[in-house]
């Protein structure tokens, strides 16, 4: 695969699991009583924390997998299955299994930037799994690591922008429009998850 195509594929995978549009309705509900200034502070803190967490997995993920003795092929299959489950949530319009826990309780808290917005909404299991899938590949780290960092940074910037303009997007697209976008991203993520499983089977020389 040409480098530019691979960069686009990696970015799309990260962008879809970060789900910048899907966070809009939840962000509005969590920050309904906040002032515009406090909302901006919450967004900056959430994006910053999520970026640090994801970069930690980008630079240490491969070492963690090696320490645990997990073969890349095995993780590809496991990760593909997990991403397939995440894609079903998007396709069926269900709230993410890891993105709704404690939402009602968190409304009462003063700071929702770290939990649940940064973790697990932005830096959730799906995003972490996607990162580990790519760092587990036997590829040039001088290519894959900067590509992942750039993809994460751009995806989180998009998520920050959609949160900043959350009211506008919800008015423009409506909940139906946001749902349609999530389903389209779900279809793409389904295809990527199947590809990961196929690549894992090839790496393990099962097929």
C-alpha atoms as a PDB file:
ATOM      1  CA  UNK A   1       0.000   0.000   0.000  1.00  0.00           C
ATOM      2  CA  UNK A   2       1.437   3.444  -0.933  1.00  0.00           C
ATOM      3  CA  UNK A   3       2.399   5.601   2.094  1.00  0.00           C
ATOM      4  CA  UNK A   4      -0.267   8.244   1.382  1.00  0.00           C
ATOM      5  CA  UNK A   5      -2.985   5.583   1.195  1.00  0.00           C
ATOM      6  CA  UNK A   6      -1.815   4.040   4.438  1.00  0.00           C
ATOM      7  CA  UNK A   7      -1.759   7.435   6.158  1.00  0.00           C
ATOM      8  CA  UNK A   8      -5.347   8.071   5.050  1.00  0.00           C
ATOM      9  CA  UNK A   9      -6.436   4.602   6.212  1.00  0.00           C
ATOM     10  CA  UNK A  10      -4.856   5.077   9.650  1.00  0.00           C
ATOM     11  CA  UNK A  11      -6.401   8.521  10.033  1.00  0.00           C
ATOM     12  CA  UNK A  12      -9.856   7.266   9.066  1.00  0.00           C
ATOM     13  CA  UNK A  13      -9.623   4.383  11.534  1.00  0.00           C
ATOM     14  CA  UNK A  14      -8.651   6.712  14.390  1.00  0.00           C
ATOM     15  CA  UNK A  15     -11.169   9.382  13.359  1.00  0.00           C
ATOM     16  CA  UNK A  16     -14.061   6.917  13.313  1.00  0.00           C
ATOM     17  CA  UNK A  17     -13.372   5.438  16.753  1.00  0.00           C
ATOM     18  CA  UNK A  18     -12.876   8.897  18.280  1.00  0.00           C
ATOM     19  CA  UNK A  19     -16.308   9.709  16.778  1.00  0.00           C
ATOM     20  CA  UNK A  20     -16.251  13.552  16.824  1.00  0.00           C
ATOM     21  CA  UNK A  21     -19.905  13.857  15.772  1.00  0.00           C
ATOM     22  CA  UNK A  22     -21.234  11.209  18.131  1.00  0.00           C
ATOM     23  CA  UNK A  23     -19.919  13.146  21.117  1.00  0.00           C
ATOM     24  CA  UNK A  24     -22.086  16.195  20.326  1.00  0.00           C
ATOM     25  CA  UNK A  25     -25.385  15.176  22.033  1.00  0.00           C
ATOM     26  CA  UNK A  26     -23.591  13.818  25.119  1.00  0.00           C
ATOM     27  CA  UNK A  27     -21.393  16.913  25.430  1.00  0.00           C
ATOM     28  CA  UNK A  28     -24.459  19.160  25.302  1.00  0.00           C
ATOM     29  CA  UNK A  29     -26.158  17.181  28.076  1.00  0.00           C
ATOM     30  CA  UNK A  30     -23.038  17.150  30.272  1.00  0.00           C
ATOM     31  CA  UNK A  31     -22.341  20.880  29.921  1.00  0.00           C
ATOM     32  CA  UNK A  32     -25.882  22.250  29.769  1.00  0.00           C
ATOM     33  CA  UNK A  33     -25.445  24.438  32.868  1.00  0.00           C
ATOM     34  CA  UNK A  34     -21.940  25.676  32.040  1.00  0.00           C
ATOM     35  CA  UNK A  35     -20.970  29.140  30.873  1.00  0.00           C
ATOM     36  CA  UNK A  36     -19.374  29.443  27.387  1.00  0.00           C
ATOM     37  CA  UNK A  37     -15.991  30.150  28.988  1.00  0.00           C
ATOM     38  CA  UNK A  38     -16.186  27.076  31.201  1.00  0.00           C
ATOM     39  CA  UNK A  39     -17.238  24.955  28.228  1.00  0.00           C
ATOM     40  CA  UNK A  40     -14.127  26.050  26.329  1.00  0.00           C
ATOM     41  CA  UNK A  41     -11.935  25.225  29.336  1.00  0.00           C
ATOM     42  CA  UNK A  42     -13.583  21.801  29.616  1.00  0.00           C
ATOM     43  CA  UNK A  43     -12.982  21.094  25.917  1.00  0.00           C
ATOM     44  CA  UNK A  44      -9.300  22.083  26.056  1.00  0.00           C
ATOM     45  CA  UNK A  45      -8.677  19.990  29.161  1.00  0.00           C
ATOM     46  CA  UNK A  46     -10.537  16.959  27.776  1.00  0.00           C
ATOM     47  CA  UNK A  47      -8.692  17.047  24.458  1.00  0.00           C
ATOM     48  CA  UNK A  48      -5.337  17.545  26.194  1.00  0.00           C
ATOM     49  CA  UNK A  49      -5.838  14.647  28.602  1.00  0.00           C
ATOM     50  CA  UNK A  50      -7.070  12.346  25.817  1.00  0.00           C
ATOM     51  CA  UNK A  51      -4.041  13.239  23.659  1.00  0.00           C
ATOM     52  CA  UNK A  52      -1.593  12.451  26.479  1.00  0.00           C
ATOM     53  CA  UNK A  53      -3.292   9.126  27.236  1.00  0.00           C
ATOM     54  CA  UNK A  54      -3.362   8.036  23.588  1.00  0.00           C
ATOM     55  CA  UNK A  55       0.260   9.107  22.997  1.00  0.00           C
ATOM     56  CA  UNK A  56       1.246   6.988  26.001  1.00  0.00           C
ATOM     57  CA  UNK A  57      -0.186   3.940  24.226  1.00  0.00           C
ATOM     58  CA  UNK A  58       1.384   4.962  20.909  1.00  0.00           C
ATOM     59  CA  UNK A  59       4.905   5.015  22.349  1.00  0.00           C
ATOM     60  CA  UNK A  60       4.611   2.181  24.893  1.00  0.00           C
ATOM     61  CA  UNK A  61       1.957  -0.067  23.333  1.00  0.00           C
ATOM     62  CA  UNK A  62       4.388  -2.251  21.406  1.00  0.00           C
ATOM     63  CA  UNK A  63       6.531  -2.782  24.509  1.00  0.00           C
ATOM     64  CA  UNK A  64       3.427  -3.752  26.507  1.00  0.00           C
ATOM     65  CA  UNK A  65       2.404  -6.325  23.903  1.00  0.00           C
ATOM     66  CA  UNK A  66       5.928  -7.773  23.767  1.00  0.00           C
ATOM     67  CA  UNK A  67       6.104  -7.950  27.572  1.00  0.00           C
ATOM     68  CA  UNK A  68       2.817  -9.863  27.656  1.00  0.00           C
ATOM     69  CA  UNK A  69       4.003 -12.125  24.852  1.00  0.00           C
ATOM     70  CA  UNK A  70       1.041 -11.313  22.593  1.00  0.00           C
ATOM     71  CA  UNK A  71       1.697 -12.037  18.920  1.00  0.00           C
ATOM     72  CA  UNK A  72       0.644  -9.303  16.462  1.00  0.00           C
ATOM     73  CA  UNK A  73      -1.622 -11.747  14.630  1.00  0.00           C
ATOM     74  CA  UNK A  74      -3.490 -12.648  17.815  1.00  0.00           C
ATOM     75  CA  UNK A  75      -3.998  -9.017  18.711  1.00  0.00           C
ATOM     76  CA  UNK A  76      -5.159  -8.221  15.188  1.00  0.00           C
ATOM     77  CA  UNK A  77      -7.918 -10.827  15.485  1.00  0.00           C
ATOM     78  CA  UNK A  78      -8.934  -9.754  19.004  1.00  0.00           C
ATOM     79  CA  UNK A  79      -8.818  -6.079  18.066  1.00  0.00           C
ATOM     80  CA  UNK A  80     -10.811  -6.687  14.898  1.00  0.00           C
ATOM     81  CA  UNK A  81     -13.539  -8.408  16.908  1.00  0.00           C
ATOM     82  CA  UNK A  82     -13.664  -5.542  19.435  1.00  0.00           C
ATOM     83  CA  UNK A  83     -13.850  -2.941  16.665  1.00  0.00           C
ATOM     84  CA  UNK A  84     -16.608  -4.960  14.985  1.00  0.00           C
ATOM     85  CA  UNK A  85     -18.631  -4.793  18.202  1.00  0.00           C
ATOM     86  CA  UNK A  86     -18.010  -1.031  18.370  1.00  0.00           C
ATOM     87  CA  UNK A  87     -19.137  -0.678  14.750  1.00  0.00           C
ATOM     88  CA  UNK A  88     -22.418  -2.457  15.601  1.00  0.00           C
ATOM     89  CA  UNK A  89     -23.136   0.241  18.202  1.00  0.00           C
ATOM     90  CA  UNK A  90     -22.703   2.881  15.501  1.00  0.00           C
ATOM     91  CA  UNK A  91     -24.722   0.965  12.899  1.00  0.00           C
ATOM     92  CA  UNK A  92     -27.608   0.160  15.230  1.00  0.00           C
ATOM     93  CA  UNK A  93     -27.644   3.603  16.794  1.00  0.00           C
ATOM     94  CA  UNK A  94     -27.006   2.288  20.297  1.00  0.00           C
ATOM     95  CA  UNK A  95     -25.111   4.337  22.899  1.00  0.00           C
ATOM     96  CA  UNK A  96     -21.538   3.066  23.183  1.00  0.00           C
ATOM     97  CA  UNK A  97     -21.167   0.466  25.914  1.00  0.00           C
ATOM     98  CA  UNK A  98     -18.231   2.368  27.394  1.00  0.00           C
ATOM     99  CA  UNK A  99     -19.515   5.858  26.684  1.00  0.00           C
ATOM    100  CA  UNK A 100     -22.646   6.003  28.779  1.00  0.00           C
ATOM    101  CA  UNK A 101     -21.679   4.639  32.146  1.00  0.00           C
ATOM    102  CA  UNK A 102     -22.347   7.169  34.858  1.00  0.00           C
ATOM    103  CA  UNK A 103     -23.588   9.914  32.552  1.00  0.00           C
ATOM    104  CA  UNK A 104     -26.483  10.780  34.813  1.00  0.00           C
ATOM    105  CA  UNK A 105     -24.246  10.913  37.871  1.00  0.00           C
ATOM    106  CA  UNK A 106     -21.577  12.936  36.111  1.00  0.00           C
ATOM    107  CA  UNK A 107     -23.986  15.784  35.428  1.00  0.00           C
ATOM    108  CA  UNK A 108     -23.774  16.578  39.107  1.00  0.00           C
ATOM    109  CA  UNK A 109     -20.007  16.766  39.131  1.00  0.00           C
ATOM    110  CA  UNK A 110     -18.165  20.013  38.608  1.00  0.00           C
ATOM    111  CA  UNK A 111     -15.517  18.709  36.241  1.00  0.00           C
ATOM    112  CA  UNK A 112     -16.539  16.320  33.468  1.00  0.00           C
ATOM    113  CA  UNK A 113     -13.502  17.017  31.275  1.00  0.00           C
ATOM    114  CA  UNK A 114     -11.394  14.045  32.408  1.00  0.00           C
ATOM    115  CA  UNK A 115     -14.234  11.620  33.077  1.00  0.00           C
ATOM    116  CA  UNK A 116     -16.288  10.893  31.106  1.00  0.00           C
ATOM    117  CA  UNK A 117     -15.327  13.201  28.193  1.00  0.00           C
ATOM    118  CA  UNK A 118     -11.568  12.525  27.889  1.00  0.00           C
ATOM    119  CA  UNK A 119     -11.843   8.958  29.193  1.00  0.00           C
ATOM    120  CA  UNK A 120     -13.638   6.927  27.932  1.00  0.00           C
ATOM    121  CA  UNK A 121     -15.416   9.070  25.330  1.00  0.00           C
ATOM    122  CA  UNK A 122     -12.379  10.358  23.420  1.00  0.00           C
ATOM    123  CA  UNK A 123      -9.659   7.974  24.601  1.00  0.00           C
ATOM    124  CA  UNK A 124     -11.836   4.891  24.886  1.00  0.00           C
ATOM    125  CA  UNK A 125     -11.168   1.185  24.377  1.00  0.00           C
ATOM    126  CA  UNK A 126     -11.915   1.436  20.654  1.00  0.00           C
ATOM    127  CA  UNK A 127      -9.326   4.168  20.105  1.00  0.00           C
ATOM    128  CA  UNK A 128      -6.733   2.442  22.280  1.00  0.00           C
ATOM    129  CA  UNK A 129      -7.329  -0.866  20.492  1.00  0.00           C
ATOM    130  CA  UNK A 130      -6.900   0.801  17.100  1.00  0.00           C
ATOM    131  CA  UNK A 131      -3.600   2.340  18.198  1.00  0.00           C
ATOM    132  CA  UNK A 132      -2.304  -0.959  19.579  1.00  0.00           C
ATOM    133  CA  UNK A 133      -3.261  -2.693  16.346  1.00  0.00           C
ATOM    134  CA  UNK A 134      -1.064  -0.377  14.317  1.00  0.00           C
ATOM    135  CA  UNK A 135       1.893  -0.246  16.717  1.00  0.00           C
ATOM    136  CA  UNK A 136       1.920  -4.058  16.849  1.00  0.00           C
ATOM    137  CA  UNK A 137       2.626  -4.228  13.119  1.00  0.00           C
ATOM    138  CA  UNK A 138       6.210  -4.898  12.164  1.00  0.00           C
ATOM    139  CA  UNK A 139       6.665  -1.611  10.357  1.00  0.00           C
ATOM    140  CA  UNK A 140       9.126   1.264  10.446  1.00  0.00           C
ATOM    141  CA  UNK A 141       8.410   3.153  13.695  1.00  0.00           C
ATOM    142  CA  UNK A 142       9.693   6.341  12.057  1.00  0.00           C
ATOM    143  CA  UNK A 143       6.627   6.108   9.790  1.00  0.00           C
ATOM    144  CA  UNK A 144       3.926   4.555  11.941  1.00  0.00           C
ATOM    145  CA  UNK A 145       4.486   6.518  15.179  1.00  0.00           C
ATOM    146  CA  UNK A 146       4.388  10.045  13.687  1.00  0.00           C
ATOM    147  CA  UNK A 147       1.417   8.991  11.533  1.00  0.00           C
ATOM    148  CA  UNK A 148      -0.497   7.811  14.610  1.00  0.00           C
ATOM    149  CA  UNK A 149       0.382  10.936  16.603  1.00  0.00           C
ATOM    150  CA  UNK A 150      -0.756  13.124  13.708  1.00  0.00           C
ATOM    151  CA  UNK A 151      -3.956  11.120  13.244  1.00  0.00           C
ATOM    152  CA  UNK A 152      -4.774  11.313  16.949  1.00  0.00           C
ATOM    153  CA  UNK A 153      -4.019  15.039  17.095  1.00  0.00           C
ATOM    154  CA  UNK A 154      -6.172  15.802  14.042  1.00  0.00           C
ATOM    155  CA  UNK A 155      -9.039  13.573  15.189  1.00  0.00           C
ATOM    156  CA  UNK A 156      -9.060  15.118  18.670  1.00  0.00           C
ATOM    157  CA  UNK A 157      -8.893  18.603  17.131  1.00  0.00           C
ATOM    158  CA  UNK A 158     -11.997  17.725  15.091  1.00  0.00           C
ATOM    159  CA  UNK A 159     -13.690  16.438  18.251  1.00  0.00           C
ATOM    160  CA  UNK A 160     -12.788  19.660  20.050  1.00  0.00           C
ATOM    161  CA  UNK A 161     -14.228  21.689  17.184  1.00  0.00           C
ATOM    162  CA  UNK A 162     -17.485  19.736  17.120  1.00  0.00           C
ATOM    163  CA  UNK A 163     -17.832  20.168  20.890  1.00  0.00           C
ATOM    164  CA  UNK A 164     -17.115  23.878  20.559  1.00  0.00           C
ATOM    165  CA  UNK A 165     -19.771  24.144  17.845  1.00  0.00           C
ATOM    166  CA  UNK A 166     -21.993  21.446  19.367  1.00  0.00           C
ATOM    167  CA  UNK A 167     -25.143  23.560  19.527  1.00  0.00           C
ATOM    168  CA  UNK A 168     -24.668  24.683  15.923  1.00  0.00           C
ATOM    169  CA  UNK A 169     -24.116  21.116  14.647  1.00  0.00           C
ATOM    170  CA  UNK A 170     -27.125  19.792  16.523  1.00  0.00           C
ATOM    171  CA  UNK A 171     -29.306  22.536  15.057  1.00  0.00           C
ATOM    172  CA  UNK A 172     -27.853  22.095  11.559  1.00  0.00           C
ATOM    173  CA  UNK A 173     -27.878  18.300  11.382  1.00  0.00           C
ATOM    174  CA  UNK A 174     -30.412  17.435  14.042  1.00  0.00           C
ATOM    175  CA  UNK A 175     -30.209  14.190  15.967  1.00  0.00           C
ATOM    176  CA  UNK A 176     -31.234  12.376  12.775  1.00  0.00           C
ATOM    177  CA  UNK A 177     -28.320  13.874  10.832  1.00  0.00           C
ATOM    178  CA  UNK A 178     -25.841  12.956  13.551  1.00  0.00           C
ATOM    179  CA  UNK A 179     -27.296   9.427  13.591  1.00  0.00           C
ATOM    180  CA  UNK A 180     -26.877   9.090   9.808  1.00  0.00           C
ATOM    181  CA  UNK A 181     -23.226  10.170  10.010  1.00  0.00           C
ATOM    182  CA  UNK A 182     -22.583   7.655  12.795  1.00  0.00           C
ATOM    183  CA  UNK A 183     -24.109   4.846  10.733  1.00  0.00           C
ATOM    184  CA  UNK A 184     -21.938   5.704   7.724  1.00  0.00           C
ATOM    185  CA  UNK A 185     -18.841   5.648   9.948  1.00  0.00           C
ATOM    186  CA  UNK A 186     -20.081   2.357  11.400  1.00  0.00           C
ATOM    187  CA  UNK A 187     -20.112   0.769   7.937  1.00  0.00           C
ATOM    188  CA  UNK A 188     -16.525   1.865   7.290  1.00  0.00           C
ATOM    189  CA  UNK A 189     -15.414   0.637  10.724  1.00  0.00           C
ATOM    190  CA  UNK A 190     -17.068  -2.741  10.078  1.00  0.00           C
ATOM    191  CA  UNK A 191     -15.020  -3.186   6.919  1.00  0.00           C
ATOM    192  CA  UNK A 192     -11.818  -2.170   8.729  1.00  0.00           C
ATOM    193  CA  UNK A 193     -12.514  -4.617  11.572  1.00  0.00           C
ATOM    194  CA  UNK A 194     -12.982  -7.500   9.135  1.00  0.00           C
ATOM    195  CA  UNK A 195      -9.734  -6.519   7.402  1.00  0.00           C
ATOM    196  CA  UNK A 196      -7.922  -6.600  10.760  1.00  0.00           C
ATOM    197  CA  UNK A 197      -9.195 -10.129  11.436  1.00  0.00           C
ATOM    198  CA  UNK A 198      -8.118 -11.227   7.943  1.00  0.00           C
ATOM    199  CA  UNK A 199      -4.643  -9.707   8.433  1.00  0.00           C
ATOM    200  CA  UNK A 200      -4.383 -11.456  11.802  1.00  0.00           C
ATOM    201  CA  UNK A 201      -5.179 -14.822  10.252  1.00  0.00           C
ATOM    202  CA  UNK A 202      -2.494 -14.186   7.623  1.00  0.00           C
ATOM    203  CA  UNK A 203       0.080 -13.252  10.273  1.00  0.00           C
ATOM    204  CA  UNK A 204      -0.671 -16.434  12.213  1.00  0.00           C
ATOM    205  CA  UNK A 205      -0.475 -18.366   8.929  1.00  0.00           C
ATOM    206  CA  UNK A 206      -3.923 -19.842   9.473  1.00  0.00           C
ATOM    207  CA  UNK A 207      -4.917 -18.948   5.922  1.00  0.00           C
END
